[in-house]
Protein backbone atom coordinates (compact mmCIF):
# COMPACT_ATOMS: atom_id res chain seq x y z
CA MET A 1 -14.31 59.93 31.26
CA LEU A 2 -12.36 57.09 29.67
CA CYS A 3 -9.02 56.08 31.15
CA LYS A 4 -6.13 55.72 28.81
CA PRO A 5 -4.46 52.31 28.82
CA LYS A 6 -1.28 52.22 30.81
CA ARG A 7 1.84 52.22 28.70
CA VAL A 8 4.37 49.44 29.13
CA PRO A 9 7.89 50.80 29.47
CA ILE A 10 10.04 50.05 26.42
CA GLU A 11 12.67 48.41 28.61
CA LEU A 12 10.11 45.92 29.98
CA THR A 13 8.86 45.17 26.47
CA ARG A 14 12.38 44.34 25.35
CA LEU A 15 12.95 42.12 28.40
CA ILE A 16 9.77 40.12 27.70
CA PHE A 17 10.79 39.73 24.04
CA ARG A 18 14.25 38.43 25.02
CA GLN A 19 12.71 35.89 27.44
CA GLN A 20 10.37 34.60 24.75
CA GLN A 21 13.25 34.25 22.33
CA ARG A 22 15.29 32.28 24.87
CA GLN A 23 12.33 29.94 25.54
CA LEU A 24 11.86 29.26 21.83
CA SER A 25 15.57 28.64 21.42
CA SER A 26 15.60 26.24 24.35
CA LYS A 27 12.64 24.25 22.93
CA SER A 28 14.27 24.08 19.52
CA SER A 29 17.52 22.71 20.93
CA ARG A 30 15.67 20.04 22.92
CA HIS A 31 13.75 18.85 19.85
CA SER A 32 16.88 18.60 17.71
CA ARG A 33 19.00 16.74 20.28
CA ARG A 34 19.96 13.12 19.52
CA THR A 35 20.47 10.36 22.06
CA ASP A 36 22.65 7.25 22.29
CA GLY A 37 24.36 8.00 18.97
CA ARG A 38 21.45 6.58 16.98
CA ASP A 39 20.95 7.36 13.29
CA ARG A 40 18.62 10.26 12.46
CA ASP A 41 15.74 7.97 11.43
CA ASP A 42 15.96 5.95 14.65
CA SER A 43 16.61 8.88 16.96
CA TYR A 44 14.30 9.72 19.79
CA THR A 45 12.46 12.83 18.68
CA GLY A 46 12.43 14.54 22.05
CA LYS A 47 8.68 13.98 22.34
CA ARG A 48 7.25 11.28 24.53
CA LYS A 49 3.90 9.58 24.44
CA GLN A 50 1.24 11.54 26.25
CA ASN A 51 0.05 8.44 28.12
CA PRO A 52 1.62 8.31 31.59
CA GLU A 53 2.41 4.61 31.14
CA ALA A 54 4.52 5.38 28.07
CA HIS A 55 6.67 8.14 29.50
CA ASP A 56 9.87 6.13 29.03
CA LEU A 57 8.93 4.64 25.65
CA TYR A 58 11.17 5.43 22.71
CA LEU A 59 9.31 5.73 19.43
CA TYR A 60 11.22 5.04 16.23
CA LYS A 61 10.36 6.69 12.92
CA SER A 62 12.15 4.00 10.92
CA LYS A 63 9.72 1.41 12.32
CA GLY A 64 6.69 3.51 11.47
CA GLN A 65 5.93 4.22 15.13
CA HIS A 66 3.92 7.40 14.81
CA ILE A 67 1.21 7.62 17.48
CA LEU A 68 -1.93 9.58 16.56
CA THR A 69 -2.78 11.87 19.49
CA ASN A 70 -5.45 14.27 18.20
CA PRO A 71 -8.73 13.22 19.90
CA ARG A 72 -10.91 14.87 17.24
CA VAL A 73 -9.22 12.88 14.47
CA LEU A 74 -9.47 9.67 16.49
CA ASP A 75 -13.18 10.24 17.07
CA LYS A 76 -13.76 11.05 13.40
CA ILE A 77 -12.09 7.79 12.33
CA VAL A 78 -14.34 5.75 14.63
CA ILE A 79 -17.50 7.58 13.53
CA THR A 80 -16.62 7.21 9.84
CA SER A 81 -16.09 3.46 10.27
CA SER A 82 -19.78 2.92 11.16
CA ILE A 83 -19.03 0.29 13.77
CA LYS A 84 -21.89 -1.87 15.01
CA THR A 85 -22.11 -3.27 18.54
CA THR A 86 -21.92 -6.77 17.03
CA ASP A 87 -18.76 -6.12 14.98
CA THR A 88 -15.32 -7.61 15.39
CA VAL A 89 -12.77 -4.97 14.40
CA LEU A 90 -9.26 -5.75 13.18
CA GLU A 91 -6.69 -3.12 14.17
CA ILE A 92 -3.17 -3.37 12.77
CA GLY A 93 -0.47 -1.55 14.72
CA PRO A 94 -2.50 -0.35 17.75
CA GLY A 95 0.55 1.19 19.40
CA THR A 96 -0.29 2.42 22.90
CA GLY A 97 -4.03 2.18 22.40
CA ASN A 98 -5.38 5.68 21.67
CA LEU A 99 -7.57 4.35 18.85
CA THR A 100 -8.03 0.90 20.40
CA LEU A 101 -9.88 2.24 23.45
CA ARG A 102 -12.39 4.02 21.22
CA LEU A 103 -12.87 0.89 19.11
CA LEU A 104 -13.44 -1.26 22.21
CA ASP A 105 -16.10 1.17 23.38
CA ALA A 106 -17.98 0.83 20.07
CA ALA A 107 -17.42 -2.79 18.98
CA LYS A 108 -18.08 -6.26 20.34
CA GLU A 109 -14.42 -7.26 20.03
CA VAL A 110 -11.14 -5.85 18.78
CA VAL A 111 -8.37 -8.02 17.34
CA ALA A 112 -5.14 -6.02 17.63
CA VAL A 113 -2.05 -7.15 15.72
CA GLU A 114 1.12 -5.65 17.23
CA ILE A 115 4.70 -6.88 16.88
CA ASP A 116 6.32 -4.58 19.48
CA THR A 117 6.27 -6.18 22.95
CA ARG A 118 6.64 -2.79 24.65
CA MET A 119 3.52 -1.50 22.93
CA VAL A 120 1.57 -4.62 23.87
CA GLU A 121 2.40 -4.22 27.56
CA ILE A 122 1.21 -0.61 27.60
CA LEU A 123 -1.87 -1.49 25.54
CA ASN A 124 -2.92 -4.30 27.88
CA LYS A 125 -2.46 -2.09 30.94
CA ARG A 126 -4.52 0.78 29.54
CA VAL A 127 -7.29 -1.55 28.34
CA ALA A 128 -7.47 -3.24 31.75
CA GLU A 129 -7.76 0.13 33.48
CA HIS A 130 -10.82 0.88 31.33
CA GLY A 131 -12.36 -2.57 31.95
CA PHE A 132 -12.20 -3.68 28.30
CA GLN A 133 -9.77 -6.59 28.70
CA ASP A 134 -12.44 -9.21 27.89
CA LYS A 135 -13.11 -7.53 24.52
CA LEU A 136 -9.49 -7.36 23.34
CA ASN A 137 -7.59 -10.11 21.52
CA VAL A 138 -3.93 -9.22 21.00
CA ILE A 139 -1.90 -11.06 18.36
CA ARG A 140 1.79 -10.40 18.95
CA LYS A 141 3.03 -11.16 15.43
CA ASP A 142 4.05 -9.57 12.14
CA ALA A 143 0.86 -8.46 10.39
CA LEU A 144 2.25 -9.43 6.98
CA ARG A 145 3.07 -12.99 8.06
CA THR A 146 0.23 -13.91 10.34
CA GLU A 147 -3.17 -15.28 9.36
CA PHE A 148 -5.96 -12.99 10.49
CA PRO A 149 -9.01 -14.44 12.26
CA GLN A 150 -12.49 -13.57 11.03
CA PHE A 151 -13.42 -9.89 11.31
CA ASP A 152 -16.10 -7.48 10.10
CA LEU A 153 -14.14 -4.23 9.78
CA VAL A 154 -10.59 -2.98 9.64
CA VAL A 155 -9.74 0.28 11.40
CA ALA A 156 -6.04 1.07 11.62
CA ASN A 157 -3.21 3.58 11.56
CA ILE A 158 -1.00 1.50 9.28
CA PRO A 159 2.80 1.82 9.54
CA TYR A 160 3.99 3.60 6.39
CA GLY A 161 6.58 0.97 5.48
CA ILE A 162 4.08 -1.87 5.02
CA SER A 163 1.14 0.03 3.51
CA SER A 164 1.26 -1.49 0.02
CA PRO A 165 1.62 -5.21 0.92
CA LEU A 166 -0.86 -4.85 3.78
CA VAL A 167 -3.56 -3.23 1.64
CA THR A 168 -3.02 -5.96 -0.92
CA LYS A 169 -3.27 -8.67 1.74
CA LEU A 170 -6.57 -7.24 2.94
CA VAL A 171 -8.34 -6.78 -0.41
CA TYR A 172 -7.09 -10.06 -1.90
CA GLY A 173 -7.24 -12.08 1.31
CA MET A 174 -9.62 -14.92 2.12
CA ASN A 175 -11.46 -13.04 4.89
CA PRO A 176 -14.54 -11.13 3.70
CA PHE A 177 -15.10 -7.79 5.43
CA ARG A 178 -17.42 -4.79 5.15
CA SER A 179 -14.88 -1.96 4.98
CA ALA A 180 -11.39 -0.88 5.95
CA THR A 181 -10.84 2.62 7.38
CA LEU A 182 -7.12 3.26 7.07
CA LEU A 183 -4.84 6.12 8.06
CA LEU A 184 -2.12 6.19 5.42
CA GLN A 185 0.72 8.38 4.25
CA LYS A 186 -0.86 11.15 2.16
CA GLU A 187 1.16 10.38 -0.98
CA PHE A 188 0.28 6.68 -0.75
CA ALA A 189 -3.40 7.52 -0.29
CA ARG A 190 -3.28 9.74 -3.40
CA ARG A 191 -1.91 6.83 -5.41
CA LEU A 192 -4.74 4.60 -4.19
CA LEU A 193 -7.30 7.23 -5.17
CA ALA A 194 -5.71 8.05 -8.55
CA LYS A 195 -7.75 7.73 -11.74
CA PRO A 196 -6.67 7.05 -15.34
CA GLY A 197 -4.87 10.11 -16.67
CA ASP A 198 -3.71 11.32 -13.25
CA SER A 199 0.05 11.60 -12.80
CA GLU A 200 -0.22 9.34 -9.70
CA PHE A 201 -2.15 6.60 -11.55
CA ASN A 202 -0.26 3.34 -11.10
CA ARG A 203 -0.46 -0.42 -10.91
CA LEU A 204 -1.39 -0.37 -7.22
CA ALA A 205 -4.57 1.63 -7.94
CA VAL A 206 -5.44 -0.63 -10.88
CA ASN A 207 -5.11 -3.84 -8.86
CA VAL A 208 -6.90 -2.58 -5.76
CA LYS A 209 -9.80 -1.07 -7.73
CA LEU A 210 -10.30 -4.35 -9.54
CA VAL A 211 -11.85 -5.72 -6.35
CA ALA A 212 -12.64 -2.68 -4.18
CA GLU A 213 -13.80 0.93 -4.12
CA VAL A 214 -11.60 3.56 -2.45
CA GLU A 215 -13.09 6.70 -0.87
CA PHE A 216 -11.26 9.74 0.53
CA VAL A 217 -12.29 10.83 4.04
CA MET A 218 -9.90 13.56 5.25
CA ASP A 219 -6.32 14.75 5.52
CA VAL A 220 -4.47 14.59 8.84
CA SER A 221 -1.63 16.95 9.73
CA LYS A 222 1.75 15.51 10.63
CA ARG A 223 1.57 17.62 13.80
CA ASP A 224 -1.16 15.29 15.11
CA PHE A 225 1.39 12.50 15.60
CA LEU A 226 4.16 11.70 18.06
CA PRO A 227 6.86 11.54 16.89
CA CYS A 228 6.06 13.98 14.11
CA PRO A 229 6.59 12.34 10.67
CA LYS A 230 7.99 14.22 7.71
CA VAL A 231 4.74 14.15 5.73
CA ASP A 232 1.00 14.52 6.29
CA SER A 233 -1.43 11.60 6.27
CA SER A 234 -4.89 10.85 4.87
CA VAL A 235 -7.80 8.68 5.93
CA VAL A 236 -9.44 6.51 3.26
CA ILE A 237 -12.15 3.87 3.29
CA ILE A 238 -11.77 0.73 1.18
CA ARG A 239 -14.97 -1.20 0.48
CA PRO A 240 -14.75 -4.60 -1.26
CA LYS A 241 -16.96 -4.91 -4.34
CA ALA A 242 -19.87 -7.32 -4.24
CA ASP A 243 -19.19 -8.39 -7.83
CA ILE A 244 -15.69 -8.64 -9.24
CA PRO A 245 -14.64 -9.46 -12.82
CA ASP A 246 -14.19 -13.12 -13.71
CA VAL A 247 -10.46 -13.00 -14.39
CA ASN A 248 -7.49 -15.17 -13.43
CA LEU A 249 -5.77 -13.07 -10.79
CA GLN A 250 -2.29 -14.36 -11.55
CA GLU A 251 -2.79 -13.63 -15.24
CA TRP A 252 -4.10 -10.16 -14.38
CA SER A 253 -1.14 -9.52 -12.08
CA ALA A 254 1.39 -10.49 -14.75
CA PHE A 255 -0.45 -8.42 -17.37
CA THR A 256 -0.59 -5.23 -15.26
CA ARG A 257 3.05 -5.69 -14.26
CA THR A 258 4.00 -5.76 -17.94
CA CYS A 259 1.87 -2.73 -18.80
CA PHE A 260 2.75 -0.50 -15.86
CA ASN A 261 6.47 -1.20 -15.74
CA LYS A 262 6.67 1.57 -18.37
CA LYS A 263 3.23 3.07 -17.94
CA ASN A 264 3.85 6.20 -20.04
CA ARG A 265 5.04 4.30 -23.10
CA THR A 266 2.54 3.06 -25.66
CA LEU A 267 1.35 -0.52 -25.44
CA GLY A 268 2.78 -1.14 -28.89
CA ALA A 269 6.25 -0.04 -27.75
CA ILE A 270 5.99 -2.21 -24.62
CA LEU A 271 4.69 -5.42 -26.18
CA LYS A 272 6.61 -5.41 -29.46
CA GLN A 273 10.05 -5.55 -27.83
CA LYS A 274 11.88 -8.65 -28.93
CA LYS A 275 12.53 -9.88 -25.40
CA LYS A 276 8.88 -9.43 -24.46
CA VAL A 277 7.73 -11.23 -27.63
CA LEU A 278 10.02 -14.15 -26.79
CA GLU A 279 8.67 -14.27 -23.25
CA LEU A 280 5.04 -14.25 -24.36
CA LEU A 281 5.75 -16.88 -27.01
CA ARG A 282 7.33 -19.13 -24.43
CA LEU A 283 4.43 -18.75 -22.01
CA SER A 284 1.90 -19.39 -24.75
CA LYS A 285 3.71 -22.54 -25.86
CA MET A 286 3.84 -23.79 -22.27
CA THR A 287 0.11 -23.22 -21.91
CA GLY A 288 -0.70 -24.97 -25.17
CA SER A 289 1.42 -28.04 -24.53
CA ARG A 290 0.59 -30.57 -21.82
CA THR A 291 3.81 -32.50 -22.28
CA GLU A 292 6.15 -29.58 -21.67
CA THR A 293 6.94 -28.93 -18.00
CA ALA A 294 6.63 -25.52 -16.45
CA ASP A 295 10.29 -25.42 -15.45
CA ASN A 296 11.71 -26.21 -18.87
CA GLY A 297 13.63 -23.14 -20.04
CA CYS A 298 11.58 -20.62 -18.06
CA GLU A 299 14.43 -19.34 -15.91
CA TYR A 300 15.18 -16.56 -18.37
CA PHE A 301 11.68 -15.21 -18.20
CA GLU A 302 11.50 -15.25 -14.41
CA CYS A 303 14.77 -13.35 -14.14
CA SER A 304 14.32 -11.00 -17.08
CA SER A 305 13.55 -7.34 -16.52
CA ASP A 306 10.66 -5.61 -18.24
CA SER A 307 12.42 -2.29 -17.84
CA ASP A 308 14.73 -2.76 -20.80
CA ASP A 309 13.96 0.05 -23.23
CA SER A 310 15.95 -1.28 -26.16
CA GLU A 311 16.23 -4.48 -28.14
CA GLU A 312 19.89 -3.84 -28.86
CA GLY A 313 22.63 -5.77 -27.14
CA GLU A 314 20.65 -8.99 -26.78
CA SER A 315 21.99 -11.05 -23.88
CA ASP A 316 23.25 -14.64 -24.00
CA GLU A 317 20.02 -15.71 -22.30
CA GLY A 318 18.01 -13.97 -25.02
CA ARG A 319 19.97 -15.82 -27.71
CA LEU A 320 19.36 -19.07 -25.83
CA CYS A 321 15.61 -18.47 -25.95
CA SER A 322 15.79 -17.48 -29.61
CA SER A 323 17.50 -20.75 -30.47
CA SER A 324 14.48 -22.74 -29.26
CA SER A 325 12.15 -20.86 -31.60
CA SER A 326 12.75 -20.17 -35.26
CA GLU A 327 12.84 -16.58 -36.48
CA ILE A 328 9.76 -17.34 -38.56
CA GLU A 329 7.84 -18.55 -35.51
CA VAL A 330 8.85 -15.48 -33.53
CA GLY A 331 7.86 -13.20 -36.40
CA LEU A 332 4.45 -14.84 -36.77
CA PHE A 333 3.81 -14.58 -33.04
CA LYS A 334 4.77 -10.90 -33.04
CA GLU A 335 2.30 -10.30 -35.86
CA LYS A 336 -0.40 -11.91 -33.72
CA VAL A 337 0.41 -9.54 -30.85
CA ILE A 338 0.27 -6.55 -33.21
CA GLU A 339 -3.01 -7.77 -34.71
CA VAL A 340 -4.68 -7.88 -31.27
CA LEU A 341 -3.40 -4.40 -30.40
CA ASN A 342 -4.59 -2.93 -33.69
CA SER A 343 -7.95 -4.68 -33.73
CA GLU A 344 -8.82 -3.21 -30.34
CA GLY A 345 -7.25 0.18 -31.08
CA PHE A 346 -4.72 -0.10 -28.25
CA ASP A 347 -1.45 0.08 -30.19
CA LYS A 348 -0.89 3.81 -29.58
CA LYS A 349 -2.56 3.98 -26.17
CA ARG A 350 -0.67 4.27 -22.88
CA PRO A 351 -1.45 2.17 -19.77
CA SER A 352 -1.56 5.30 -17.61
CA LYS A 353 -4.64 6.47 -19.55
CA LEU A 354 -6.62 3.21 -19.53
CA SER A 355 -9.47 2.23 -17.21
CA ASN A 356 -9.80 -1.19 -15.65
CA GLU A 357 -12.57 -2.03 -18.10
CA GLU A 358 -10.27 -1.30 -21.06
CA LEU A 359 -7.42 -3.30 -19.54
CA LEU A 360 -9.73 -6.25 -18.92
CA GLN A 361 -10.98 -6.05 -22.50
CA LEU A 362 -7.43 -6.08 -23.87
CA LEU A 363 -6.35 -8.99 -21.66
CA SER A 364 -9.39 -10.99 -22.73
CA SER A 365 -8.54 -10.38 -26.41
CA PHE A 366 -4.97 -11.54 -25.87
CA ASN A 367 -6.09 -14.71 -24.08
CA GLN A 368 -8.65 -15.50 -26.80
CA ALA A 369 -5.82 -15.24 -29.33
CA GLY A 370 -3.74 -17.71 -27.30
CA ILE A 371 -1.40 -15.07 -25.85
CA TYR A 372 -0.75 -15.32 -22.11
CA PHE A 373 1.27 -13.33 -19.60
CA HIS A 374 1.49 -16.00 -16.89
CA ASP A 375 2.17 -19.73 -16.91
CA GLN A 376 -1.39 -21.07 -16.87
CA ALA A 377 -0.21 -24.53 -15.78
CA LYS A 378 0.75 -23.03 -12.43
CA SER A 379 -2.64 -21.35 -12.07
CA LYS A 380 -4.85 -24.42 -12.43
CA ASN A 381 -4.50 -25.52 -8.82
CA ALA A 382 -4.08 -22.03 -7.38
CA LYS A 383 -6.70 -20.51 -5.11
CA ASN A 384 -7.38 -16.81 -4.68
CA VAL A 385 -3.93 -15.28 -4.75
CA ALA A 386 -2.87 -12.10 -2.96
CA PHE A 387 -0.34 -10.92 -5.51
CA ALA A 388 2.15 -8.09 -5.12
CA ALA A 389 0.20 -5.02 -6.25
CA THR A 390 3.06 -2.63 -5.70
CA ASP A 391 3.53 0.45 -7.84
CA SER A 392 6.09 -0.38 -10.54
CA SER A 393 6.02 3.01 -12.19
């Protein structure tokens, strides 16, 4: 004979419910409390690092200090990186060492670049406790301003605020490497992965994919971090290409900046603006003349903005540039620009729809016609340049 389950009195049920509600309310108030009158972005989130050594460490969102704590995600990042026992791994922003310890266990050496002294102290202590101190090289400097030593791989949870310049520094830097496994803000990762025609397609993707392939690995919930950021993250792998196009990087940078400043306008509308025609004419004349110095009259072009949508209301600087070139010369040069666009069928096309191959083809046609987007005299003695591949859209 089966026994009926014992009923819980309704009064006890209500009491348990009220206790649960009070506990939830108490947790919510602790998470929302601010300390020391700091701004919201710099406030202590109420969560502390799970490592015992970091129990008094304040973590600031505004400095990109979001510590990844999910062990499954940490393990997946290390496995995906395909680390060899002979590899030297570069880690940027190691924080308190959750990822670093796993990297040290797999690699020959880890070079950790960390600017926060507090983080370095905790990192060194944890590494020493695990007996890995001989395999760790800590560089206590700004990752954007320091010169990296030689390395084989990059594995890092990159601070959100420096993602774009840091990715650019890696892919256009002088150090060859096999791959970079990076944990990035999800929106930023989507821009890196964007293809022509996607709404997120931008100059950053164009410039990075000129020299590297980008592969999506996985999404990471914001709840896997302390303090919890406002958005989710994604892991991507960047692999440098073995063969890259033979193109002047400074010329390419200036060309993509011009195209993607107004990426949804047609190339004809972008390049036939009077101010842009004057700028290109000036650069072409500087390239074609050995006697004319690079600084002569170029201040206008360096300070001008490509975001002007109209030719009306020409500035005093624009009139100054016009005075150095006759209207006939400007008109003839504009016709040359239009001829290149029409001959290649690009006049009505938009940069946001073009592949790198098409952009390279158009740039080559312009250069063959004597039309340049960067002062070539300044490029002759330049080495491989890590230009600013930020999204201008």
